[in-house]
Amino acid sequence: DGAAAIELIGQFQPDVAVLDIQMPKFTGIAVSRQVRANRWTVGVLILTAYDDDPYITAVLKAGANGYVLKTASPEEIINAVRDVYQGKSVLDATILPKVLAQISNPIVMITSEPLTDRELEILAEVAQGLTNKGIGVKLSISDRTVQGHIARIFEKMCVNSRTEAVMHAISAGLLPPPENARAEHAD
């Protein structure tokens, strides 16, 4: 898990740590951030099944040296480990076009890490104008749990208001535009 990875990396200082994005306790993104915060000279290679833009952005911002999909051949994975060991940056060939598209797109949502499915679900309800209590009733969770999710959404998206979070999510394509906006543009 992520906590054990941080402990082992700190203890043994390997040349390269190969991590997944989704791990118990801490994500590979959080582990990468911790490695960089501690200024450990460990190369970090993310080996994952996730090729979604928010994950790619979060991994790169966290300071990982490489991002390879689990669909890569054993030879490609071995070469990626070697490249990271040599101080090179590695991007899976299938995600490179996504990274280039993000660079050329002027509207890129700033996130420290991707929103979870639950956070996206709550953000969609926020976009509908529901209060924390209303969201809690609809999703069968407490309004304090909703409040916690919204605080985490604000932190991840680097925003300070519900409106700002919704606007960033719409701009980034995480949420559809409001129904009335689509109707106005249809004419």
N, C-alpha and C. Protein backbone atom coordinates (compact mmCIF):
# COMPACT_ATOMS: atom_id res chain seq x y z
N ASP A 1 0.84 -1.19 0.00
CA ASP A 1 0.00 0.00 0.00
C ASP A 1 0.87 1.25 0.00
N GLY A 2 0.25 2.40 -0.14
CA GLY A 2 0.99 3.64 -0.25
C GLY A 2 1.81 4.00 0.99
N ALA A 3 1.26 3.72 2.17
CA ALA A 3 2.00 4.02 3.41
C ALA A 3 3.26 3.16 3.50
N ALA A 4 3.13 1.89 3.16
CA ALA A 4 4.29 1.00 3.17
C ALA A 4 5.30 1.43 2.12
N ALA A 5 4.82 1.88 0.97
CA ALA A 5 5.72 2.34 -0.09
C ALA A 5 6.55 3.52 0.40
N ILE A 6 5.93 4.49 1.06
CA ILE A 6 6.67 5.65 1.58
C ILE A 6 7.72 5.19 2.59
N GLU A 7 7.31 4.30 3.49
CA GLU A 7 8.23 3.80 4.51
C GLU A 7 9.42 3.07 3.88
N LEU A 8 9.14 2.18 2.93
CA LEU A 8 10.20 1.40 2.29
C LEU A 8 11.12 2.27 1.42
N ILE A 9 10.54 3.23 0.73
CA ILE A 9 11.35 4.13 -0.10
C ILE A 9 12.28 4.94 0.80
N GLY A 10 11.75 5.44 1.91
CA GLY A 10 12.57 6.20 2.84
C GLY A 10 13.68 5.36 3.46
N GLN A 11 13.35 4.12 3.76
CA GLN A 11 14.32 3.23 4.42
C GLN A 11 15.41 2.74 3.46
N PHE A 12 15.02 2.30 2.27
CA PHE A 12 15.97 1.66 1.36
C PHE A 12 16.49 2.56 0.24
N GLN A 13 15.84 3.72 0.01
CA GLN A 13 16.25 4.64 -1.05
C GLN A 13 16.56 3.91 -2.36
N PRO A 14 15.58 3.22 -2.95
CA PRO A 14 15.83 2.50 -4.20
C PRO A 14 16.12 3.50 -5.33
N ASP A 15 16.68 2.98 -6.41
CA ASP A 15 16.93 3.83 -7.57
C ASP A 15 15.62 4.24 -8.24
N VAL A 16 14.68 3.27 -8.32
CA VAL A 16 13.38 3.51 -8.96
C VAL A 16 12.30 2.84 -8.14
N ALA A 17 11.20 3.55 -7.93
CA ALA A 17 10.01 2.98 -7.29
C ALA A 17 8.92 2.90 -8.34
N VAL A 18 8.35 1.71 -8.52
CA VAL A 18 7.26 1.51 -9.47
C VAL A 18 5.97 1.45 -8.66
N LEU A 19 5.06 2.38 -8.93
CA LEU A 19 3.83 2.53 -8.16
C LEU A 19 2.62 2.52 -9.07
N ASP A 20 1.48 2.15 -8.51
CA ASP A 20 0.21 2.28 -9.22
C ASP A 20 -0.46 3.57 -8.74
N ILE A 21 -1.44 4.06 -9.46
CA ILE A 21 -2.17 5.24 -9.00
C ILE A 21 -3.05 4.86 -7.82
N GLN A 22 -3.87 3.84 -7.99
CA GLN A 22 -4.79 3.42 -6.93
C GLN A 22 -4.14 2.38 -6.05
N MET A 23 -3.79 2.80 -4.84
CA MET A 23 -3.24 1.89 -3.83
C MET A 23 -3.95 2.21 -2.52
N PRO A 24 -4.09 1.22 -1.64
CA PRO A 24 -4.70 1.51 -0.34
C PRO A 24 -3.87 2.51 0.45
N LYS A 25 -4.51 3.23 1.33
CA LYS A 25 -3.93 4.22 2.25
C LYS A 25 -3.47 5.49 1.56
N PHE A 26 -2.51 5.42 0.62
CA PHE A 26 -2.07 6.59 -0.13
C PHE A 26 -2.01 6.20 -1.60
N THR A 27 -2.44 7.11 -2.47
CA THR A 27 -2.35 6.85 -3.91
C THR A 27 -0.90 6.98 -4.36
N GLY A 28 -0.62 6.49 -5.55
CA GLY A 28 0.71 6.68 -6.13
C GLY A 28 1.03 8.15 -6.31
N ILE A 29 -0.01 8.96 -6.52
CA ILE A 29 0.17 10.41 -6.66
C ILE A 29 0.66 10.99 -5.33
N ALA A 30 0.01 10.59 -4.24
CA ALA A 30 0.42 11.07 -2.91
C ALA A 30 1.82 10.60 -2.55
N VAL A 31 2.15 9.36 -2.91
CA VAL A 31 3.49 8.83 -2.64
C VAL A 31 4.52 9.64 -3.44
N SER A 32 4.22 9.92 -4.70
CA SER A 32 5.14 10.72 -5.53
C SER A 32 5.38 12.09 -4.90
N ARG A 33 4.30 12.71 -4.43
CA ARG A 33 4.41 14.01 -3.78
C ARG A 33 5.31 13.93 -2.54
N GLN A 34 5.12 12.86 -1.77
CA GLN A 34 5.91 12.67 -0.55
C GLN A 34 7.39 12.46 -0.88
N VAL A 35 7.66 11.68 -1.91
CA VAL A 35 9.04 11.45 -2.34
C VAL A 35 9.69 12.79 -2.69
N ARG A 36 8.99 13.63 -3.44
CA ARG A 36 9.55 14.93 -3.84
C ARG A 36 9.66 15.87 -2.63
N ALA A 37 8.67 15.85 -1.75
CA ALA A 37 8.72 16.72 -0.56
C ALA A 37 9.91 16.38 0.33
N ASN A 38 10.26 15.10 0.39
CA ASN A 38 11.41 14.65 1.20
C ASN A 38 12.73 14.79 0.45
N ARG A 39 12.65 15.22 -0.80
CA ARG A 39 13.84 15.39 -1.64
C ARG A 39 14.66 14.10 -1.79
N TRP A 40 13.94 12.98 -1.81
CA TRP A 40 14.61 11.70 -2.04
C TRP A 40 14.97 11.62 -3.52
N THR A 41 16.10 11.05 -3.82
CA THR A 41 16.57 10.98 -5.20
C THR A 41 16.09 9.70 -5.89
N VAL A 42 14.90 9.31 -5.59
CA VAL A 42 14.30 8.09 -6.14
C VAL A 42 13.54 8.45 -7.40
N GLY A 43 13.76 7.68 -8.46
CA GLY A 43 12.96 7.84 -9.67
C GLY A 43 11.60 7.20 -9.44
N VAL A 44 10.54 7.88 -9.82
CA VAL A 44 9.18 7.36 -9.62
C VAL A 44 8.56 7.05 -10.97
N LEU A 45 8.19 5.79 -11.15
CA LEU A 45 7.51 5.34 -12.37
C LEU A 45 6.11 4.89 -11.98
N ILE A 46 5.10 5.49 -12.58
CA ILE A 46 3.72 5.08 -12.36
C ILE A 46 3.37 4.04 -13.43
N LEU A 47 2.97 2.86 -12.97
CA LEU A 47 2.53 1.78 -13.85
C LEU A 47 1.08 1.52 -13.52
N THR A 48 0.19 1.86 -14.42
CA THR A 48 -1.23 1.87 -14.09
C THR A 48 -2.12 1.52 -15.28
N ALA A 49 -3.37 1.27 -14.99
CA ALA A 49 -4.36 1.02 -16.03
C ALA A 49 -5.10 2.31 -16.40
N TYR A 50 -4.91 3.37 -15.62
CA TYR A 50 -5.65 4.61 -15.80
C TYR A 50 -4.98 5.52 -16.83
N ASP A 51 -5.75 5.89 -17.86
CA ASP A 51 -5.21 6.81 -18.86
C ASP A 51 -6.07 8.06 -18.99
N ASP A 52 -6.82 8.38 -17.93
CA ASP A 52 -7.68 9.56 -17.92
C ASP A 52 -6.85 10.83 -17.72
N ASP A 53 -7.25 11.89 -18.40
CA ASP A 53 -6.51 13.16 -18.33
C ASP A 53 -6.24 13.65 -16.92
N PRO A 54 -7.24 13.65 -16.01
CA PRO A 54 -6.96 14.16 -14.67
C PRO A 54 -5.86 13.37 -13.95
N TYR A 55 -5.83 12.05 -14.15
CA TYR A 55 -4.78 11.25 -13.53
C TYR A 55 -3.42 11.60 -14.11
N ILE A 56 -3.36 11.72 -15.41
CA ILE A 56 -2.09 12.03 -16.07
C ILE A 56 -1.56 13.36 -15.56
N THR A 57 -2.42 14.37 -15.52
CA THR A 57 -2.02 15.69 -15.05
C THR A 57 -1.56 15.63 -13.60
N ALA A 58 -2.32 14.95 -12.75
CA ALA A 58 -1.98 14.87 -11.33
C ALA A 58 -0.65 14.15 -11.11
N VAL A 59 -0.41 13.08 -11.87
CA VAL A 59 0.85 12.34 -11.74
C VAL A 59 2.03 13.22 -12.13
N LEU A 60 1.91 13.92 -13.23
CA LEU A 60 3.01 14.77 -13.69
C LEU A 60 3.26 15.92 -12.72
N LYS A 61 2.18 16.51 -12.19
CA LYS A 61 2.35 17.61 -11.22
C LYS A 61 2.93 17.11 -9.90
N ALA A 62 2.70 15.85 -9.58
CA ALA A 62 3.22 15.30 -8.32
C ALA A 62 4.72 15.01 -8.41
N GLY A 63 5.27 15.08 -9.61
CA GLY A 63 6.71 14.91 -9.77
C GLY A 63 7.17 13.52 -10.16
N ALA A 64 6.26 12.68 -10.64
CA ALA A 64 6.67 11.35 -11.11
C ALA A 64 7.54 11.51 -12.35
N ASN A 65 8.46 10.59 -12.53
CA ASN A 65 9.37 10.65 -13.68
C ASN A 65 8.83 9.92 -14.90
N GLY A 66 7.85 9.05 -14.69
CA GLY A 66 7.32 8.28 -15.81
C GLY A 66 5.91 7.82 -15.57
N TYR A 67 5.21 7.55 -16.66
CA TYR A 67 3.82 7.12 -16.64
C TYR A 67 3.65 6.08 -17.74
N VAL A 68 3.46 4.84 -17.35
CA VAL A 68 3.33 3.74 -18.32
C VAL A 68 2.06 2.97 -18.00
N LEU A 69 1.35 2.60 -19.05
CA LEU A 69 0.13 1.83 -18.87
C LEU A 69 0.45 0.34 -18.73
N LYS A 70 -0.41 -0.36 -18.00
CA LYS A 70 -0.20 -1.80 -17.79
C LYS A 70 -0.37 -2.61 -19.07
N THR A 71 -0.88 -1.97 -20.10
CA THR A 71 -1.01 -2.66 -21.39
C THR A 71 0.32 -2.68 -22.16
N ALA A 72 1.32 -1.98 -21.64
CA ALA A 72 2.64 -1.96 -22.29
C ALA A 72 3.25 -3.36 -22.25
N SER A 73 4.11 -3.64 -23.21
CA SER A 73 4.78 -4.94 -23.25
C SER A 73 5.81 -5.00 -22.12
N PRO A 74 6.19 -6.22 -21.71
CA PRO A 74 7.22 -6.34 -20.67
C PRO A 74 8.50 -5.59 -21.05
N GLU A 75 8.87 -5.63 -22.31
CA GLU A 75 10.07 -4.92 -22.76
C GLU A 75 9.93 -3.41 -22.57
N GLU A 76 8.74 -2.87 -22.89
CA GLU A 76 8.51 -1.43 -22.73
C GLU A 76 8.58 -1.03 -21.25
N ILE A 77 8.06 -1.89 -20.38
CA ILE A 77 8.09 -1.60 -18.94
C ILE A 77 9.54 -1.63 -18.44
N ILE A 78 10.28 -2.63 -18.85
CA ILE A 78 11.70 -2.73 -18.45
C ILE A 78 12.47 -1.50 -18.94
N ASN A 79 12.23 -1.12 -20.20
CA ASN A 79 12.91 0.07 -20.75
C ASN A 79 12.51 1.33 -19.99
N ALA A 80 11.26 1.41 -19.58
CA ALA A 80 10.79 2.58 -18.82
C ALA A 80 11.52 2.66 -17.48
N VAL A 81 11.67 1.52 -16.79
CA VAL A 81 12.40 1.50 -15.52
C VAL A 81 13.84 1.94 -15.75
N ARG A 82 14.46 1.42 -16.79
CA ARG A 82 15.85 1.80 -17.11
C ARG A 82 15.97 3.29 -17.42
N ASP A 83 15.02 3.81 -18.20
CA ASP A 83 15.05 5.23 -18.55
C ASP A 83 14.90 6.12 -17.32
N VAL A 84 13.96 5.76 -16.44
CA VAL A 84 13.77 6.54 -15.21
C VAL A 84 15.03 6.46 -14.35
N TYR A 85 15.64 5.29 -14.30
CA TYR A 85 16.90 5.12 -13.56
C TYR A 85 17.99 6.06 -14.10
N GLN A 86 17.99 6.24 -15.41
CA GLN A 86 18.99 7.11 -16.05
C GLN A 86 18.61 8.59 -15.99
N GLY A 87 17.50 8.90 -15.32
CA GLY A 87 17.10 10.30 -15.17
C GLY A 87 16.23 10.84 -16.27
N LYS A 88 15.76 9.97 -17.16
CA LYS A 88 14.91 10.41 -18.27
C LYS A 88 13.44 10.41 -17.83
N SER A 89 12.64 11.20 -18.54
CA SER A 89 11.20 11.18 -18.33
C SER A 89 10.59 10.20 -19.32
N VAL A 90 9.57 9.48 -18.88
CA VAL A 90 8.95 8.45 -19.72
C VAL A 90 7.44 8.66 -19.75
N LEU A 91 6.89 8.69 -20.95
CA LEU A 91 5.43 8.73 -21.12
C LEU A 91 5.03 7.62 -22.08
N ASP A 92 4.03 6.86 -21.69
CA ASP A 92 3.50 5.81 -22.56
C ASP A 92 3.08 6.45 -23.88
N ALA A 93 3.42 5.80 -24.97
CA ALA A 93 3.12 6.34 -26.30
C ALA A 93 1.64 6.61 -26.50
N THR A 94 0.78 5.82 -25.85
CA THR A 94 -0.66 6.01 -26.04
C THR A 94 -1.20 7.23 -25.30
N ILE A 95 -0.50 7.72 -24.27
CA ILE A 95 -0.99 8.91 -23.56
C ILE A 95 -0.30 10.19 -24.01
N LEU A 96 0.76 10.07 -24.76
CA LEU A 96 1.48 11.25 -25.23
C LEU A 96 0.56 12.23 -25.96
N PRO A 97 -0.33 11.77 -26.87
CA PRO A 97 -1.23 12.73 -27.53
C PRO A 97 -2.11 13.49 -26.54
N LYS A 98 -2.53 12.83 -25.46
CA LYS A 98 -3.36 13.50 -24.45
C LYS A 98 -2.57 14.60 -23.75
N VAL A 99 -1.32 14.32 -23.43
CA VAL A 99 -0.48 15.31 -22.77
C VAL A 99 -0.26 16.50 -23.68
N LEU A 100 0.02 16.24 -24.94
CA LEU A 100 0.21 17.33 -25.91
C LEU A 100 -1.06 18.14 -26.09
N ALA A 101 -2.22 17.49 -26.08
CA ALA A 101 -3.49 18.20 -26.20
C ALA A 101 -3.72 19.10 -24.99
N GLN A 102 -3.36 18.62 -23.81
CA GLN A 102 -3.52 19.43 -22.60
C GLN A 102 -2.64 20.67 -22.66
N ILE A 103 -1.43 20.50 -23.16
CA ILE A 103 -0.50 21.63 -23.25
C ILE A 103 -1.03 22.69 -24.21
N SER A 104 -1.64 22.24 -25.31
CA SER A 104 -2.13 23.19 -26.30
C SER A 104 -3.51 23.74 -25.95
N ASN A 105 -4.21 23.16 -24.98
CA ASN A 105 -5.54 23.61 -24.59
C ASN A 105 -5.41 24.70 -23.53
N PRO A 106 -5.90 25.92 -23.81
CA PRO A 106 -5.75 27.00 -22.84
C PRO A 106 -6.59 26.82 -21.57
N ILE A 107 -7.64 26.01 -21.61
CA ILE A 107 -8.47 25.79 -20.44
C ILE A 107 -8.16 24.41 -19.89
N VAL A 108 -7.29 24.38 -18.90
CA VAL A 108 -6.95 23.12 -18.24
C VAL A 108 -7.28 23.28 -16.77
N MET A 109 -8.09 22.38 -16.26
CA MET A 109 -8.46 22.46 -14.86
C MET A 109 -7.25 22.13 -13.99
N ILE A 110 -7.01 22.94 -13.00
CA ILE A 110 -5.90 22.71 -12.08
C ILE A 110 -6.38 21.76 -10.99
N THR A 111 -5.76 20.60 -10.90
CA THR A 111 -6.09 19.67 -9.82
C THR A 111 -4.81 19.10 -9.26
N SER A 112 -4.84 18.88 -7.96
CA SER A 112 -3.69 18.24 -7.34
C SER A 112 -3.78 16.73 -7.54
N GLU A 113 -4.99 16.24 -7.64
CA GLU A 113 -5.22 14.84 -7.96
C GLU A 113 -6.64 14.73 -8.48
N PRO A 114 -6.95 13.67 -9.23
CA PRO A 114 -8.28 13.58 -9.85
C PRO A 114 -9.39 13.42 -8.83
N LEU A 115 -10.57 13.89 -9.21
CA LEU A 115 -11.74 13.73 -8.36
C LEU A 115 -12.18 12.28 -8.39
N THR A 116 -12.66 11.79 -7.24
CA THR A 116 -13.18 10.43 -7.19
C THR A 116 -14.57 10.41 -7.82
N ASP A 117 -15.10 9.22 -8.06
CA ASP A 117 -16.46 9.11 -8.61
C ASP A 117 -17.47 9.76 -7.68
N ARG A 118 -17.30 9.57 -6.36
CA ARG A 118 -18.22 10.15 -5.38
C ARG A 118 -18.13 11.67 -5.42
N GLU A 119 -16.91 12.21 -5.52
CA GLU A 119 -16.75 13.66 -5.59
C GLU A 119 -17.39 14.22 -6.86
N LEU A 120 -17.24 13.52 -7.97
CA LEU A 120 -17.89 13.96 -9.21
C LEU A 120 -19.41 13.92 -9.07
N GLU A 121 -19.91 12.88 -8.40
CA GLU A 121 -21.35 12.75 -8.17
C GLU A 121 -21.86 13.93 -7.33
N ILE A 122 -21.13 14.27 -6.29
CA ILE A 122 -21.52 15.39 -5.42
C ILE A 122 -21.41 16.70 -6.18
N LEU A 123 -20.35 16.87 -6.96
CA LEU A 123 -20.19 18.10 -7.74
C LEU A 123 -21.33 18.27 -8.74
N ALA A 124 -21.79 17.17 -9.31
CA ALA A 124 -22.93 17.24 -10.24
C ALA A 124 -24.19 17.73 -9.52
N GLU A 125 -24.36 17.31 -8.28
CA GLU A 125 -25.52 17.76 -7.49
C GLU A 125 -25.36 19.22 -7.09
N VAL A 126 -24.14 19.64 -6.80
CA VAL A 126 -23.86 21.05 -6.51
C VAL A 126 -24.25 21.88 -7.74
N ALA A 127 -23.90 21.38 -8.93
CA ALA A 127 -24.23 22.09 -10.17
C ALA A 127 -25.73 22.24 -10.36
N GLN A 128 -26.50 21.32 -9.77
CA GLN A 128 -27.97 21.40 -9.87
C GLN A 128 -28.54 22.36 -8.83
N GLY A 129 -27.67 22.91 -7.97
CA GLY A 129 -28.11 23.89 -6.99
C GLY A 129 -28.55 23.31 -5.66
N LEU A 130 -28.31 22.03 -5.42
CA LEU A 130 -28.73 21.43 -4.16
C LEU A 130 -27.83 21.87 -3.01
N THR A 131 -28.42 21.99 -1.83
CA THR A 131 -27.66 22.30 -0.62
C THR A 131 -26.96 21.04 -0.14
N ASN A 132 -26.06 21.18 0.83
CA ASN A 132 -25.40 20.01 1.41
C ASN A 132 -26.43 19.03 1.96
N LYS A 133 -27.43 19.57 2.64
CA LYS A 133 -28.48 18.72 3.21
C LYS A 133 -29.25 18.00 2.10
N GLY A 134 -29.58 18.73 1.05
CA GLY A 134 -30.31 18.13 -0.07
C GLY A 134 -29.49 17.05 -0.77
N ILE A 135 -28.20 17.28 -0.92
CA ILE A 135 -27.32 16.29 -1.53
C ILE A 135 -27.24 15.06 -0.62
N GLY A 136 -27.12 15.30 0.68
CA GLY A 136 -27.05 14.20 1.64
C GLY A 136 -28.28 13.32 1.59
N VAL A 137 -29.45 13.94 1.54
CA VAL A 137 -30.71 13.18 1.47
C VAL A 137 -30.75 12.37 0.17
N LYS A 138 -30.41 13.00 -0.94
CA LYS A 138 -30.46 12.34 -2.25
C LYS A 138 -29.49 11.16 -2.33
N LEU A 139 -28.29 11.31 -1.72
CA LEU A 139 -27.27 10.27 -1.82
C LEU A 139 -27.20 9.37 -0.59
N SER A 140 -28.10 9.59 0.36
CA SER A 140 -28.17 8.79 1.60
C SER A 140 -26.87 8.86 2.41
N ILE A 141 -26.35 10.08 2.54
CA ILE A 141 -25.18 10.32 3.39
C ILE A 141 -25.47 11.56 4.22
N SER A 142 -24.69 11.78 5.27
CA SER A 142 -24.94 12.94 6.12
C SER A 142 -24.47 14.22 5.43
N ASP A 143 -25.07 15.34 5.83
CA ASP A 143 -24.67 16.61 5.23
C ASP A 143 -23.24 16.97 5.64
N ARG A 144 -22.76 16.47 6.80
CA ARG A 144 -21.36 16.70 7.19
C ARG A 144 -20.41 15.91 6.27
N THR A 145 -20.84 14.73 5.83
CA THR A 145 -20.03 13.96 4.88
C THR A 145 -19.97 14.71 3.55
N VAL A 146 -21.10 15.26 3.13
CA VAL A 146 -21.14 16.07 1.91
C VAL A 146 -20.19 17.26 2.05
N GLN A 147 -20.25 17.93 3.20
CA GLN A 147 -19.38 19.08 3.45
C GLN A 147 -17.90 18.69 3.34
N GLY A 148 -17.55 17.52 3.86
CA GLY A 148 -16.18 17.03 3.76
C GLY A 148 -15.77 16.78 2.32
N HIS A 149 -16.67 16.17 1.54
CA HIS A 149 -16.38 15.93 0.12
C HIS A 149 -16.19 17.25 -0.63
N ILE A 150 -17.04 18.23 -0.34
CA ILE A 150 -16.95 19.51 -1.03
C ILE A 150 -15.64 20.22 -0.67
N ALA A 151 -15.24 20.13 0.59
CA ALA A 151 -13.96 20.73 1.00
C ALA A 151 -12.81 20.08 0.23
N ARG A 152 -12.87 18.76 0.06
CA ARG A 152 -11.82 18.04 -0.67
C ARG A 152 -11.83 18.42 -2.16
N ILE A 153 -13.03 18.60 -2.72
CA ILE A 153 -13.16 19.04 -4.12
C ILE A 153 -12.51 20.41 -4.30
N PHE A 154 -12.80 21.34 -3.37
CA PHE A 154 -12.21 22.68 -3.43
C PHE A 154 -10.69 22.58 -3.40
N GLU A 155 -10.18 21.73 -2.50
CA GLU A 155 -8.73 21.58 -2.36
C GLU A 155 -8.11 21.02 -3.64
N LYS A 156 -8.73 19.98 -4.18
CA LYS A 156 -8.19 19.35 -5.39
C LYS A 156 -8.24 20.27 -6.59
N MET A 157 -9.31 21.06 -6.70
CA MET A 157 -9.49 21.92 -7.87
C MET A 157 -8.88 23.30 -7.68
N CYS A 158 -8.37 23.57 -6.49
CA CYS A 158 -7.78 24.89 -6.18
C CYS A 158 -8.80 26.00 -6.40
N VAL A 159 -10.01 25.83 -5.85
CA VAL A 159 -11.07 26.82 -5.96
C VAL A 159 -11.56 27.18 -4.55
N ASN A 160 -12.35 28.26 -4.49
CA ASN A 160 -12.84 28.73 -3.19
C ASN A 160 -14.35 28.80 -3.08
N SER A 161 -15.06 28.41 -4.14
CA SER A 161 -16.52 28.49 -4.07
C SER A 161 -17.16 27.38 -4.89
N ARG A 162 -18.42 27.12 -4.58
CA ARG A 162 -19.18 26.10 -5.31
C ARG A 162 -19.28 26.49 -6.79
N THR A 163 -19.56 27.75 -7.04
CA THR A 163 -19.70 28.23 -8.43
C THR A 163 -18.41 28.05 -9.21
N GLU A 164 -17.30 28.42 -8.58
CA GLU A 164 -16.00 28.28 -9.23
C GLU A 164 -15.70 26.81 -9.54
N ALA A 165 -16.03 25.92 -8.60
CA ALA A 165 -15.80 24.48 -8.81
C ALA A 165 -16.63 23.98 -9.99
N VAL A 166 -17.88 24.37 -10.04
CA VAL A 166 -18.77 23.93 -11.13
C VAL A 166 -18.28 24.48 -12.47
N MET A 167 -17.90 25.76 -12.50
CA MET A 167 -17.43 26.36 -13.76
C MET A 167 -16.16 25.68 -14.26
N HIS A 168 -15.22 25.39 -13.35
CA HIS A 168 -13.99 24.70 -13.74
C HIS A 168 -14.31 23.30 -14.26
N ALA A 169 -15.24 22.61 -13.59
CA ALA A 169 -15.60 21.25 -14.00
C ALA A 169 -16.26 21.25 -15.38
N ILE A 170 -17.10 22.24 -15.64
CA ILE A 170 -17.74 22.34 -16.96
C ILE A 170 -16.69 22.65 -18.03
N SER A 171 -15.79 23.59 -17.72
CA SER A 171 -14.72 23.96 -18.67
C SER A 171 -13.83 22.78 -19.00
N ALA A 172 -13.59 21.92 -17.99
CA ALA A 172 -12.71 20.77 -18.18
C ALA A 172 -13.44 19.56 -18.76
N GLY A 173 -14.76 19.68 -18.96
CA GLY A 173 -15.52 18.58 -19.53
C GLY A 173 -15.90 17.50 -18.53
N LEU A 174 -15.74 17.79 -17.22
CA LEU A 174 -16.13 16.81 -16.20
C LEU A 174 -17.63 16.82 -15.94
N LEU A 175 -18.26 17.96 -16.24
CA LEU A 175 -19.71 18.10 -16.10
C LEU A 175 -20.27 18.70 -17.38
N PRO A 176 -21.49 18.32 -17.74
CA PRO A 176 -22.10 18.94 -18.93
C PRO A 176 -22.53 20.37 -18.60
N PRO A 177 -22.62 21.23 -19.61
CA PRO A 177 -23.13 22.58 -19.35
C PRO A 177 -24.57 22.50 -18.84
N PRO A 178 -25.04 23.51 -18.12
CA PRO A 178 -26.43 23.50 -17.64
C PRO A 178 -27.40 23.38 -18.81
N GLU A 179 -28.56 22.80 -18.54
CA GLU A 179 -29.57 22.59 -19.58
C GLU A 179 -29.95 23.89 -20.29
N ASN A 180 -30.16 24.97 -19.53
CA ASN A 180 -30.58 26.22 -20.16
C ASN A 180 -29.47 26.82 -21.04
N ALA A 181 -28.21 26.58 -20.69
CA ALA A 181 -27.10 27.06 -21.53
C ALA A 181 -27.06 26.33 -22.85
N ARG A 182 -27.34 25.01 -22.80
CA ARG A 182 -27.35 24.23 -24.04
C ARG A 182 -28.50 24.65 -24.93
N ALA A 183 -29.65 24.94 -24.34
CA ALA A 183 -30.82 25.33 -25.13
C ALA A 183 -30.56 26.67 -25.82
N GLU A 184 -29.91 27.62 -25.10
CA GLU A 184 -29.63 28.92 -25.69
C GLU A 184 -28.66 28.80 -26.87
N HIS A 185 -27.68 27.92 -26.75
CA HIS A 185 -26.70 27.79 -27.82
C HIS A 185 -27.24 26.97 -28.99
N ALA A 186 -28.32 26.25 -28.79
CA ALA A 186 -28.88 25.42 -29.85
C ALA A 186 -29.54 26.29 -30.92
N ASP A 187 -30.03 27.47 -30.52
CA ASP A 187 -30.71 28.37 -31.45
C ASP A 187 -29.75 29.03 -32.33
